[in-house]
PDB file of N, CA and C in Angstrom:
ATOM      1  N   UNK A   1     114.928  75.012  31.018  1.00  0.00           N
ATOM      2  CA  UNK A   1     114.199  76.251  30.872  1.00  0.00           C
ATOM      3  C   UNK A   1     113.397  76.512  32.158  1.00  0.00           C
ATOM      4  N   UNK A   2     113.587  77.692  32.739  1.00  0.00           N
ATOM      5  CA  UNK A   2     112.916  78.062  33.983  1.00  0.00           C
ATOM      6  C   UNK A   2     111.819  79.064  33.659  1.00  0.00           C
ATOM      7  N   UNK A   3     110.645  78.785  34.161  1.00  0.00           N
ATOM      8  CA  UNK A   3     109.514  79.692  33.940  1.00  0.00           C
ATOM      9  C   UNK A   3     109.294  80.488  35.216  1.00  0.00           C
ATOM     10  N   UNK A   4     109.314  81.804  35.086  1.00  0.00           N
ATOM     11  CA  UNK A   4     109.054  82.669  36.240  1.00  0.00           C
ATOM     12  C   UNK A   4     107.557  82.943  36.331  1.00  0.00           C
ATOM     13  N   UNK A   5     107.024  82.673  37.481  1.00  0.00           N
ATOM     14  CA  UNK A   5     105.615  82.965  37.709  1.00  0.00           C
ATOM     15  C   UNK A   5     105.473  84.393  38.198  1.00  0.00           C
ATOM     16  N   UNK A   6     104.408  85.074  37.804  1.00  0.00           N
ATOM     17  CA  UNK A   6     104.226  86.450  38.273  1.00  0.00           C
ATOM     18  C   UNK A   6     103.940  86.470  39.769  1.00  0.00           C
ATOM     19  N   UNK A   7     104.396  87.522  40.410  1.00  0.00           N
ATOM     20  CA  UNK A   7     104.140  87.680  41.832  1.00  0.00           C
ATOM     21  C   UNK A   7     102.672  87.980  42.069  1.00  0.00           C
ATOM     22  N   UNK A   8     102.262  87.724  43.274  1.00  0.00           N
ATOM     23  CA  UNK A   8     100.891  88.009  43.649  1.00  0.00           C
ATOM     24  C   UNK A   8     100.680  89.521  43.624  1.00  0.00           C
ATOM     25  N   UNK A   9      99.732  89.976  42.873  1.00  0.00           N
ATOM     26  CA  UNK A   9      99.535  91.418  42.698  1.00  0.00           C
ATOM     27  C   UNK A   9      99.033  92.106  43.956  1.00  0.00           C
ATOM     28  N   UNK A  10      98.333  91.373  44.797  1.00  0.00           N
ATOM     29  CA  UNK A  10      97.766  92.012  45.983  1.00  0.00           C
ATOM     30  C   UNK A  10      98.848  92.427  46.974  1.00  0.00           C
ATOM     31  N   UNK A  11      99.996  91.769  46.964  1.00  0.00           N
ATOM     32  CA  UNK A  11     101.056  92.099  47.912  1.00  0.00           C
ATOM     33  C   UNK A  11     102.006  93.171  47.404  1.00  0.00           C
ATOM     34  N   UNK A  12     101.900  93.543  46.139  1.00  0.00           N
ATOM     35  CA  UNK A  12     102.844  94.507  45.580  1.00  0.00           C
ATOM     36  C   UNK A  12     102.760  95.867  46.260  1.00  0.00           C
ATOM     37  N   UNK A  13     101.577  96.366  46.495  1.00  0.00           N
ATOM     38  CA  UNK A  13     101.406  97.706  47.055  1.00  0.00           C
ATOM     39  C   UNK A  13     100.673  97.687  48.389  1.00  0.00           C
ATOM     40  N   UNK A  14     100.779  96.600  49.133  1.00  0.00           N
ATOM     41  CA  UNK A  14     100.007  96.512  50.373  1.00  0.00           C
ATOM     42  C   UNK A  14     100.479  97.536  51.405  1.00  0.00           C
ATOM     43  N   UNK A  15     101.787  97.800  51.470  1.00  0.00           N
ATOM     44  CA  UNK A  15     102.297  98.788  52.423  1.00  0.00           C
ATOM     45  C   UNK A  15     101.843 100.188  52.077  1.00  0.00           C
ATOM     46  N   UNK A  16     101.892 100.529  50.798  1.00  0.00           N
ATOM     47  CA  UNK A  16     101.454 101.858  50.360  1.00  0.00           C
ATOM     48  C   UNK A  16      99.945 102.012  50.535  1.00  0.00           C
ATOM     49  N   UNK A  17      99.209 100.925  50.296  1.00  0.00           N
ATOM     50  CA  UNK A  17      97.754 100.975  50.447  1.00  0.00           C
ATOM     51  C   UNK A  17      97.381 101.210  51.906  1.00  0.00           C
ATOM     52  N   UNK A  18      98.065 100.549  52.824  1.00  0.00           N
ATOM     53  CA  UNK A  18      97.793 100.740  54.254  1.00  0.00           C
ATOM     54  C   UNK A  18      98.149 102.159  54.699  1.00  0.00           C
ATOM     55  N   UNK A  19      99.261 102.689  54.212  1.00  0.00           N
ATOM     56  CA  UNK A  19      99.658 104.049  54.572  1.00  0.00           C
ATOM     57  C   UNK A  19      98.636 105.062  54.063  1.00  0.00           C
ATOM     58  N   UNK A  20      98.159 104.873  52.843  1.00  0.00           N
ATOM     59  CA  UNK A  20      97.138 105.782  52.300  1.00  0.00           C
ATOM     60  C   UNK A  20      95.838 105.678  53.091  1.00  0.00           C
ATOM     61  N   UNK A  21      95.492 104.469  53.513  1.00  0.00           N
ATOM     62  CA  UNK A  21      94.279 104.280  54.307  1.00  0.00           C
ATOM     63  C   UNK A  21      94.409 104.959  55.666  1.00  0.00           C
ATOM     64  N   UNK A  22      95.596 104.885  56.292  1.00  0.00           N
ATOM     65  CA  UNK A  22      95.809 105.548  57.582  1.00  0.00           C
ATOM     66  C   UNK A  22      95.673 107.057  57.451  1.00  0.00           C
ATOM     67  N   UNK A  23      96.251 107.615  56.384  1.00  0.00           N
ATOM     68  CA  UNK A  23      96.144 109.061  56.154  1.00  0.00           C
ATOM     69  C   UNK A  23      94.695 109.471  55.934  1.00  0.00           C
ATOM     70  N   UNK A  24      93.946 108.660  55.200  1.00  0.00           N
ATOM     71  CA  UNK A  24      92.543 108.967  54.933  1.00  0.00           C
ATOM     72  C   UNK A  24      91.718 108.900  56.215  1.00  0.00           C
ATOM     73  N   UNK A  25      92.004 107.936  57.085  1.00  0.00           N
ATOM     74  CA  UNK A  25      91.266 107.805  58.346  1.00  0.00           C
ATOM     75  C   UNK A  25      91.530 109.025  59.228  1.00  0.00           C
ATOM     76  N   UNK A  26      92.771 109.490  59.269  1.00  0.00           N
ATOM     77  CA  UNK A  26      93.103 110.680  60.060  1.00  0.00           C
ATOM     78  C   UNK A  26      92.374 111.899  59.515  1.00  0.00           C
ATOM     79  N   UNK A  27      92.352 112.044  58.195  1.00  0.00           N
ATOM     80  CA  UNK A  27      91.681 113.191  57.566  1.00  0.00           C
ATOM     81  C   UNK A  27      90.177 113.160  57.816  1.00  0.00           C
ATOM     82  N   UNK A  28      89.562 111.989  57.639  1.00  0.00           N
ATOM     83  CA  UNK A  28      88.117 111.879  57.837  1.00  0.00           C
ATOM     84  C   UNK A  28      87.740 112.023  59.310  1.00  0.00           C
ATOM     85  N   UNK A  29      88.609 111.586  60.213  1.00  0.00           N
ATOM     86  CA  UNK A  29      88.352 111.760  61.646  1.00  0.00           C
ATOM     87  C   UNK A  29      88.374 113.235  62.023  1.00  0.00           C
ATOM     88  N   UNK A  30      89.264 113.999  61.389  1.00  0.00           N
ATOM     89  CA  UNK A  30      89.317 115.440  61.650  1.00  0.00           C
ATOM     90  C   UNK A  30      88.041 116.121  61.193  1.00  0.00           C
ATOM     91  N   UNK A  31      87.451 115.634  60.119  1.00  0.00           N
ATOM     92  CA  UNK A  31      86.181 116.210  59.646  1.00  0.00           C
ATOM     93  C   UNK A  31      85.078 115.934  60.658  1.00  0.00           C
ATOM     94  N   UNK A  32      85.049 114.726  61.222  1.00  0.00           N
ATOM     95  CA  UNK A  32      84.022 114.406  62.216  1.00  0.00           C
ATOM     96  C   UNK A  32      84.235 115.161  63.524  1.00  0.00           C
ATOM     97  N   UNK A  33      85.482 115.446  63.865  1.00  0.00           N
ATOM     98  CA  UNK A  33      85.782 116.200  65.086  1.00  0.00           C
ATOM     99  C   UNK A  33      85.335 117.652  64.974  1.00  0.00           C
ATOM    100  N   UNK A  34      85.413 118.212  63.771  1.00  0.00           N
ATOM    101  CA  UNK A  34      85.059 119.612  63.558  1.00  0.00           C
ATOM    102  C   UNK A  34      83.541 119.751  63.587  1.00  0.00           C
ATOM    103  N   UNK A  35      83.021 120.439  64.581  1.00  0.00           N
ATOM    104  CA  UNK A  35      81.572 120.568  64.728  1.00  0.00           C
ATOM    105  C   UNK A  35      80.981 121.620  63.792  1.00  0.00           C
ATOM    106  N   UNK A  36      81.832 122.389  63.121  1.00  0.00           N
ATOM    107  CA  UNK A  36      81.348 123.431  62.228  1.00  0.00           C
ATOM    108  C   UNK A  36      81.134 122.933  60.803  1.00  0.00           C
ATOM    109  N   UNK A  37      81.452 121.667  60.524  1.00  0.00           N
ATOM    110  CA  UNK A  37      81.310 121.118  59.184  1.00  0.00           C
ATOM    111  C   UNK A  37      79.840 120.961  58.820  1.00  0.00           C
ATOM    112  N   UNK A  38      79.590 120.886  57.534  1.00  0.00           N
ATOM    113  CA  UNK A  38      78.250 120.674  57.018  1.00  0.00           C
ATOM    114  C   UNK A  38      77.799 119.239  57.329  1.00  0.00           C
ATOM    115  N   UNK A  39      76.506 119.043  57.545  1.00  0.00           N
ATOM    116  CA  UNK A  39      75.992 117.731  57.914  1.00  0.00           C
ATOM    117  C   UNK A  39      76.207 116.710  56.804  1.00  0.00           C
ATOM    118  N   UNK A  40      76.034 117.100  55.549  1.00  0.00           N
ATOM    119  CA  UNK A  40      76.225 116.151  54.457  1.00  0.00           C
ATOM    120  C   UNK A  40      77.681 115.716  54.349  1.00  0.00           C
ATOM    121  N   UNK A  41      78.598 116.627  54.622  1.00  0.00           N
ATOM    122  CA  UNK A  41      80.018 116.285  54.592  1.00  0.00           C
ATOM    123  C   UNK A  41      80.356 115.354  55.745  1.00  0.00           C
ATOM    124  N   UNK A  42      79.796 115.616  56.924  1.00  0.00           N
ATOM    125  CA  UNK A  42      80.042 114.754  58.075  1.00  0.00           C
ATOM    126  C   UNK A  42      79.465 113.359  57.858  1.00  0.00           C
ATOM    127  N   UNK A  43      78.284 113.263  57.257  1.00  0.00           N
ATOM    128  CA  UNK A  43      77.693 111.956  56.973  1.00  0.00           C
ATOM    129  C   UNK A  43      78.524 111.191  55.946  1.00  0.00           C
ATOM    130  N   UNK A  44      79.027 111.903  54.958  1.00  0.00           N
ATOM    131  CA  UNK A  44      79.873 111.266  53.949  1.00  0.00           C
ATOM    132  C   UNK A  44      81.172 110.764  54.566  1.00  0.00           C
ATOM    133  N   UNK A  45      81.761 111.559  55.465  1.00  0.00           N
ATOM    134  CA  UNK A  45      82.988 111.147  56.145  1.00  0.00           C
ATOM    135  C   UNK A  45      82.732 109.931  57.032  1.00  0.00           C
ATOM    136  N   UNK A  46      81.598 109.907  57.722  1.00  0.00           N
ATOM    137  CA  UNK A  46      81.260 108.768  58.583  1.00  0.00           C
ATOM    138  C   UNK A  46      81.082 107.501  57.757  1.00  0.00           C
ATOM    139  N   UNK A  47      80.386 107.616  56.644  1.00  0.00           N
ATOM    140  CA  UNK A  47      80.181 106.475  55.761  1.00  0.00           C
ATOM    141  C   UNK A  47      81.512 105.956  55.221  1.00  0.00           C
ATOM    142  N   UNK A  48      82.390 106.871  54.840  1.00  0.00           N
ATOM    143  CA  UNK A  48      83.701 106.480  54.318  1.00  0.00           C
ATOM    144  C   UNK A  48      84.556 105.812  55.394  1.00  0.00           C
ATOM    145  N   UNK A  49      84.484 106.316  56.633  1.00  0.00           N
ATOM    146  CA  UNK A  49      85.246 105.716  57.729  1.00  0.00           C
ATOM    147  C   UNK A  49      84.815 104.277  57.998  1.00  0.00           C
ATOM    148  N   UNK A  50      83.526 104.034  57.996  1.00  0.00           N
ATOM    149  CA  UNK A  50      83.029 102.686  58.246  1.00  0.00           C
ATOM    150  C   UNK A  50      83.466 101.752  57.124  1.00  0.00           C
ATOM    151  N   UNK A  51      83.364 102.205  55.894  1.00  0.00           N
ATOM    152  CA  UNK A  51      83.726 101.363  54.754  1.00  0.00           C
ATOM    153  C   UNK A  51      85.224 101.115  54.680  1.00  0.00           C
ATOM    154  N   UNK A  52      86.033 102.119  55.042  1.00  0.00           N
ATOM    155  CA  UNK A  52      87.480 101.913  55.041  1.00  0.00           C
ATOM    156  C   UNK A  52      87.881 100.921  56.115  1.00  0.00           C
ATOM    157  N   UNK A  53      87.200 100.960  57.247  1.00  0.00           N
ATOM    158  CA  UNK A  53      87.483  99.998  58.295  1.00  0.00           C
ATOM    159  C   UNK A  53      87.167  98.577  57.856  1.00  0.00           C
ATOM    160  N   UNK A  54      86.098  98.415  57.088  1.00  0.00           N
ATOM    161  CA  UNK A  54      85.734  97.090  56.606  1.00  0.00           C
ATOM    162  C   UNK A  54      86.686  96.612  55.513  1.00  0.00           C
ATOM    163  N   UNK A  55      87.078  97.511  54.635  1.00  0.00           N
ATOM    164  CA  UNK A  55      87.901  97.115  53.488  1.00  0.00           C
ATOM    165  C   UNK A  55      89.376  96.944  53.849  1.00  0.00           C
ATOM    166  N   UNK A  56      89.947  97.903  54.580  1.00  0.00           N
ATOM    167  CA  UNK A  56      91.377  97.909  54.841  1.00  0.00           C
ATOM    168  C   UNK A  56      91.744  97.458  56.247  1.00  0.00           C
ATOM    169  N   UNK A  57      90.774  97.349  57.141  1.00  0.00           N
ATOM    170  CA  UNK A  57      91.071  96.916  58.502  1.00  0.00           C
ATOM    171  C   UNK A  57      91.677  98.000  59.371  1.00  0.00           C
ATOM    172  N   UNK A  58      91.610  99.248  58.923  1.00  0.00           N
ATOM    173  CA  UNK A  58      92.143 100.370  59.698  1.00  0.00           C
ATOM    174  C   UNK A  58      90.955 101.174  60.194  1.00  0.00           C
ATOM    175  N   UNK A  59      90.785 101.181  61.498  1.00  0.00           N
ATOM    176  CA  UNK A  59      89.614 101.826  62.087  1.00  0.00           C
ATOM    177  C   UNK A  59      90.039 103.065  62.857  1.00  0.00           C
ATOM    178  N   UNK A  60      89.119 104.021  62.981  1.00  0.00           N
ATOM    179  CA  UNK A  60      89.447 105.224  63.757  1.00  0.00           C
ATOM    180  C   UNK A  60      89.476 104.914  65.244  1.00  0.00           C
ATOM    181  N   UNK A  61      89.904 105.898  66.031  1.00  0.00           N
ATOM    182  CA  UNK A  61      89.952 105.708  67.478  1.00  0.00           C
ATOM    183  C   UNK A  61      88.530 105.548  68.028  1.00  0.00           C
ATOM    184  N   UNK A  62      88.440 105.048  69.244  1.00  0.00           N
ATOM    185  CA  UNK A  62      87.134 104.702  69.800  1.00  0.00           C
ATOM    186  C   UNK A  62      86.242 105.918  70.010  1.00  0.00           C
ATOM    187  N   UNK A  63      86.820 107.072  70.369  1.00  0.00           N
ATOM    188  CA  UNK A  63      85.959 108.238  70.593  1.00  0.00           C
ATOM    189  C   UNK A  63      85.403 108.773  69.270  1.00  0.00           C
ATOM    190  N   UNK A  64      86.059 108.517  68.161  1.00  0.00           N
ATOM    191  CA  UNK A  64      85.516 108.886  66.845  1.00  0.00           C
ATOM    192  C   UNK A  64      84.466 107.863  66.432  1.00  0.00           C
ATOM    193  N   UNK A  65      84.754 106.600  66.670  1.00  0.00           N
ATOM    194  CA  UNK A  65      83.851 105.542  66.239  1.00  0.00           C
ATOM    195  C   UNK A  65      82.513 105.604  66.964  1.00  0.00           C
ATOM    196  N   UNK A  66      82.502 106.185  68.184  1.00  0.00           N
ATOM    197  CA  UNK A  66      81.251 106.327  68.928  1.00  0.00           C
ATOM    198  C   UNK A  66      80.356 107.407  68.341  1.00  0.00           C
ATOM    199  N   UNK A  67      80.880 108.229  67.447  1.00  0.00           N
ATOM    200  CA  UNK A  67      80.104 109.299  66.828  1.00  0.00           C
ATOM    201  C   UNK A  67      79.467 108.868  65.516  1.00  0.00           C
ATOM    202  N   UNK A  68      79.531 107.564  65.213  1.00  0.00           N
ATOM    203  CA  UNK A  68      78.999 107.055  63.952  1.00  0.00           C
ATOM    204  C   UNK A  68      77.951 106.000  64.249  1.00  0.00           C
ATOM    205  N   UNK A  69      76.785 106.116  63.603  1.00  0.00           N
ATOM    206  CA  UNK A  69      75.760 105.087  63.696  1.00  0.00           C
ATOM    207  C   UNK A  69      76.147 103.969  62.736  1.00  0.00           C
ATOM    208  N   UNK A  70      76.303 102.755  63.240  1.00  0.00           N
ATOM    209  CA  UNK A  70      76.735 101.652  62.390  1.00  0.00           C
ATOM    210  C   UNK A  70      75.598 101.085  61.546  1.00  0.00           C
ATOM    211  N   UNK A  71      74.358 101.413  61.858  1.00  0.00           N
ATOM    212  CA  UNK A  71      73.246 100.895  61.080  1.00  0.00           C
ATOM    213  C   UNK A  71      73.013 101.726  59.818  1.00  0.00           C
ATOM    214  N   UNK A  72      72.875 103.037  59.986  1.00  0.00           N
ATOM    215  CA  UNK A  72      72.622 103.891  58.825  1.00  0.00           C
ATOM    216  C   UNK A  72      73.876 104.630  58.356  1.00  0.00           C
ATOM    217  N   UNK A  73      74.997 104.412  59.030  1.00  0.00           N
ATOM    218  CA  UNK A  73      76.302 104.979  58.686  1.00  0.00           C
ATOM    219  C   UNK A  73      76.262 106.516  58.580  1.00  0.00           C
ATOM    220  N   UNK A  74      75.605 107.145  59.539  1.00  0.00           N
ATOM    221  CA  UNK A  74      75.555 108.605  59.568  1.00  0.00           C
ATOM    222  C   UNK A  74      76.269 109.112  60.819  1.00  0.00           C
ATOM    223  N   UNK A  75      76.654 110.374  60.784  1.00  0.00           N
ATOM    224  CA  UNK A  75      77.325 110.993  61.923  1.00  0.00           C
ATOM    225  C   UNK A  75      76.289 111.289  63.006  1.00  0.00           C
ATOM    226  N   UNK A  76      76.604 110.956  64.245  1.00  0.00           N
ATOM    227  CA  UNK A  76      75.702 111.207  65.369  1.00  0.00           C
ATOM    228  C   UNK A  76      76.056 112.547  65.993  1.00  0.00           C
ATOM    229  N   UNK A  77      75.160 113.502  65.860  1.00  0.00           N
ATOM    230  CA  UNK A  77      75.350 114.836  66.412  1.00  0.00           C
ATOM    231  C   UNK A  77      74.311 115.028  67.505  1.00  0.00           C
ATOM    232  N   UNK A  78      74.742 115.094  68.776  1.00  0.00           N
ATOM    233  CA  UNK A  78      73.781 115.213  69.869  1.00  0.00           C
ATOM    234  C   UNK A  78      72.910 116.465  69.733  1.00  0.00           C
ATOM    235  N   UNK A  79      71.612 116.278  69.891  1.00  0.00           N
ATOM    236  CA  UNK A  79      70.669 117.376  69.800  1.00  0.00           C
ATOM    237  C   UNK A  79      70.140 117.600  68.401  1.00  0.00           C
ATOM    238  N   UNK A  80      70.796 117.065  67.395  1.00  0.00           N
ATOM    239  CA  UNK A  80      70.331 117.251  66.017  1.00  0.00           C
ATOM    240  C   UNK A  80      69.763 115.949  65.463  1.00  0.00           C
ATOM    241  N   UNK A  81      70.584 114.917  65.388  1.00  0.00           N
ATOM    242  CA  UNK A  81      70.084 113.633  64.910  1.00  0.00           C
ATOM    243  C   UNK A  81      70.423 112.495  65.873  1.00  0.00           C
ATOM    244  N   UNK A  82      70.785 112.854  67.107  1.00  0.00           N
ATOM    245  CA  UNK A  82      71.060 111.842  68.125  1.00  0.00           C
ATOM    246  C   UNK A  82      70.562 112.331  69.477  1.00  0.00           C
ATOM    247  N   UNK A  83      70.067 111.390  70.260  1.00  0.00           N
ATOM    248  CA  UNK A  83      69.608 111.708  71.604  1.00  0.00           C
ATOM    249  C   UNK A  83      70.569 111.042  72.577  1.00  0.00           C
ATOM    250  N   UNK A  84      71.043 111.774  73.564  1.00  0.00           N
ATOM    251  CA  UNK A  84      71.991 111.265  74.552  1.00  0.00           C
ATOM    252  C   UNK A  84      71.325 111.306  75.920  1.00  0.00           C
ATOM    253  N   UNK A  85      71.359 110.172  76.615  1.00  0.00           N
ATOM    254  CA  UNK A  85      70.791 110.081  77.956  1.00  0.00           C
ATOM    255  C   UNK A  85      71.820 109.433  78.884  1.00  0.00           C
ATOM    256  N   UNK A  86      71.808 109.861  80.135  1.00  0.00           N
ATOM    257  CA  UNK A  86      72.657 109.290  81.173  1.00  0.00           C
ATOM    258  C   UNK A  86      71.755 108.630  82.199  1.00  0.00           C
ATOM    259  N   UNK A  87      71.952 107.337  82.446  1.00  0.00           N
ATOM    260  CA  UNK A  87      71.160 106.665  83.479  1.00  0.00           C
ATOM    261  C   UNK A  87      71.824 105.369  83.894  1.00  0.00           C
ATOM    262  N   UNK A  88      71.864 105.135  85.194  1.00  0.00           N
ATOM    263  CA  UNK A  88      72.307 103.884  85.802  1.00  0.00           C
ATOM    264  C   UNK A  88      73.682 103.444  85.309  1.00  0.00           C
ATOM    265  N   UNK A  89      74.614 104.367  85.225  1.00  0.00           N
ATOM    266  CA  UNK A  89      75.980 104.022  84.860  1.00  0.00           C
ATOM    267  C   UNK A  89      76.221 103.831  83.384  1.00  0.00           C
ATOM    268  N   UNK A  90      75.274 104.226  82.541  1.00  0.00           N
ATOM    269  CA  UNK A  90      75.415 104.072  81.113  1.00  0.00           C
ATOM    270  C   UNK A  90      75.117 105.378  80.391  1.00  0.00           C
ATOM    271  N   UNK A  91      75.756 105.570  79.239  1.00  0.00           N
ATOM    272  CA  UNK A  91      75.400 106.631  78.309  1.00  0.00           C
ATOM    273  C   UNK A  91      74.627 105.953  77.188  1.00  0.00           C
ATOM    274  N   UNK A  92      73.429 106.411  76.921  1.00  0.00           N
ATOM    275  CA  UNK A  92      72.607 105.827  75.876  1.00  0.00           C
ATOM    276  C   UNK A  92      72.510 106.806  74.719  1.00  0.00           C
ATOM    277  N   UNK A  93      73.069 106.420  73.573  1.00  0.00           N
ATOM    278  CA  UNK A  93      72.963 107.214  72.347  1.00  0.00           C
ATOM    279  C   UNK A  93      71.897 106.587  71.467  1.00  0.00           C
ATOM    280  N   UNK A  94      70.946 107.390  70.996  1.00  0.00           N
ATOM    281  CA  UNK A  94      69.904 106.914  70.108  1.00  0.00           C
ATOM    282  C   UNK A  94      69.959 107.715  68.822  1.00  0.00           C
ATOM    283  N   UNK A  95      70.094 107.019  67.698  1.00  0.00           N
ATOM    284  CA  UNK A  95      70.087 107.667  66.391  1.00  0.00           C
ATOM    285  C   UNK A  95      68.638 107.980  66.035  1.00  0.00           C
ATOM    286  N   UNK A  96      68.348 109.240  65.706  1.00  0.00           N
ATOM    287  CA  UNK A  96      66.981 109.625  65.374  1.00  0.00           C
ATOM    288  C   UNK A  96      66.610 109.265  63.942  1.00  0.00           C
ATOM    289  N   UNK A  97      67.599 108.905  63.120  1.00  0.00           N
ATOM    290  CA  UNK A  97      67.321 108.542  61.735  1.00  0.00           C
ATOM    291  C   UNK A  97      66.794 107.111  61.655  1.00  0.00           C
ATOM    292  N   UNK A  98      67.538 106.171  62.267  1.00  0.00           N
ATOM    293  CA  UNK A  98      67.154 104.761  62.177  1.00  0.00           C
ATOM    294  C   UNK A  98      66.626 104.211  63.497  1.00  0.00           C
ATOM    295  N   UNK A  99      66.633 105.031  64.566  1.00  0.00           N
ATOM    296  CA  UNK A  99      66.129 104.672  65.886  1.00  0.00           C
ATOM    297  C   UNK A  99      66.924 103.525  66.526  1.00  0.00           C
ATOM    298  N   UNK A 100      68.204 103.418  66.193  1.00  0.00           N
ATOM    299  CA  UNK A 100      69.077 102.414  66.794  1.00  0.00           C
ATOM    300  C   UNK A 100      69.687 102.987  68.066  1.00  0.00           C
ATOM    301  N   UNK A 101      69.874 102.139  69.085  1.00  0.00           N
ATOM    302  CA  UNK A 101      70.360 102.582  70.384  1.00  0.00           C
ATOM    303  C   UNK A 101      71.711 101.943  70.685  1.00  0.00           C
ATOM    304  N   UNK A 102      72.635 102.762  71.224  1.00  0.00           N
ATOM    305  CA  UNK A 102      73.950 102.297  71.644  1.00  0.00           C
ATOM    306  C   UNK A 102      74.118 102.634  73.114  1.00  0.00           C
ATOM    307  N   UNK A 103      74.564 101.641  73.894  1.00  0.00           N
ATOM    308  CA  UNK A 103      74.800 101.863  75.319  1.00  0.00           C
ATOM    309  C   UNK A 103      76.286 101.769  75.591  1.00  0.00           C
ATOM    310  N   UNK A 104      76.828 102.787  76.253  1.00  0.00           N
ATOM    311  CA  UNK A 104      78.237 102.829  76.608  1.00  0.00           C
ATOM    312  C   UNK A 104      78.346 102.909  78.118  1.00  0.00           C
ATOM    313  N   UNK A 105      79.140 102.039  78.686  1.00  0.00           N
ATOM    314  CA  UNK A 105      79.308 102.028  80.136  1.00  0.00           C
ATOM    315  C   UNK A 105      80.182 103.198  80.569  1.00  0.00           C
ATOM    316  N   UNK A 106      79.736 103.918  81.600  1.00  0.00           N
ATOM    317  CA  UNK A 106      80.525 105.009  82.163  1.00  0.00           C
ATOM    318  C   UNK A 106      81.688 104.452  82.954  1.00  0.00           C
ATOM    319  N   UNK A 107      82.807 105.134  82.908  1.00  0.00           N
ATOM    320  CA  UNK A 107      83.963 104.713  83.682  1.00  0.00           C
ATOM    321  C   UNK A 107      83.738 105.104  85.135  1.00  0.00           C
ATOM    322  N   UNK A 108      83.956 104.162  86.029  1.00  0.00           N
ATOM    323  CA  UNK A 108      83.814 104.443  87.448  1.00  0.00           C
ATOM    324  C   UNK A 108      85.190 104.680  88.041  1.00  0.00           C
ATOM    325  N   UNK A 109      85.297 105.697  88.868  1.00  0.00           N
ATOM    326  CA  UNK A 109      86.586 106.008  89.477  1.00  0.00           C
ATOM    327  C   UNK A 109      86.573 105.715  90.950  1.00  0.00           C
TER     328      UNK A 109
END
């Protein structure tokens, strides 16, 4: 008598789960790119993008990821809730909500 063990459930839909996560990341990135969106919608999209990256391992492109504060998980909009400064070869983004600072090195040509 042969007993069949059930397959691991986590692997059954892993391909479909990754595809759905990729589609969601593209959709949420488009919301962050659109500057005409409502602030609450943009903050919700930013929060969802960070959480999807942690859960599924699928992260948005780097220029989208720079628009999200990783501490308070809100969308960084220059002049509204973010301060942008240029000095000594760096771009300094400061979130006005949590006062966290991000430094990005400028590309030298």
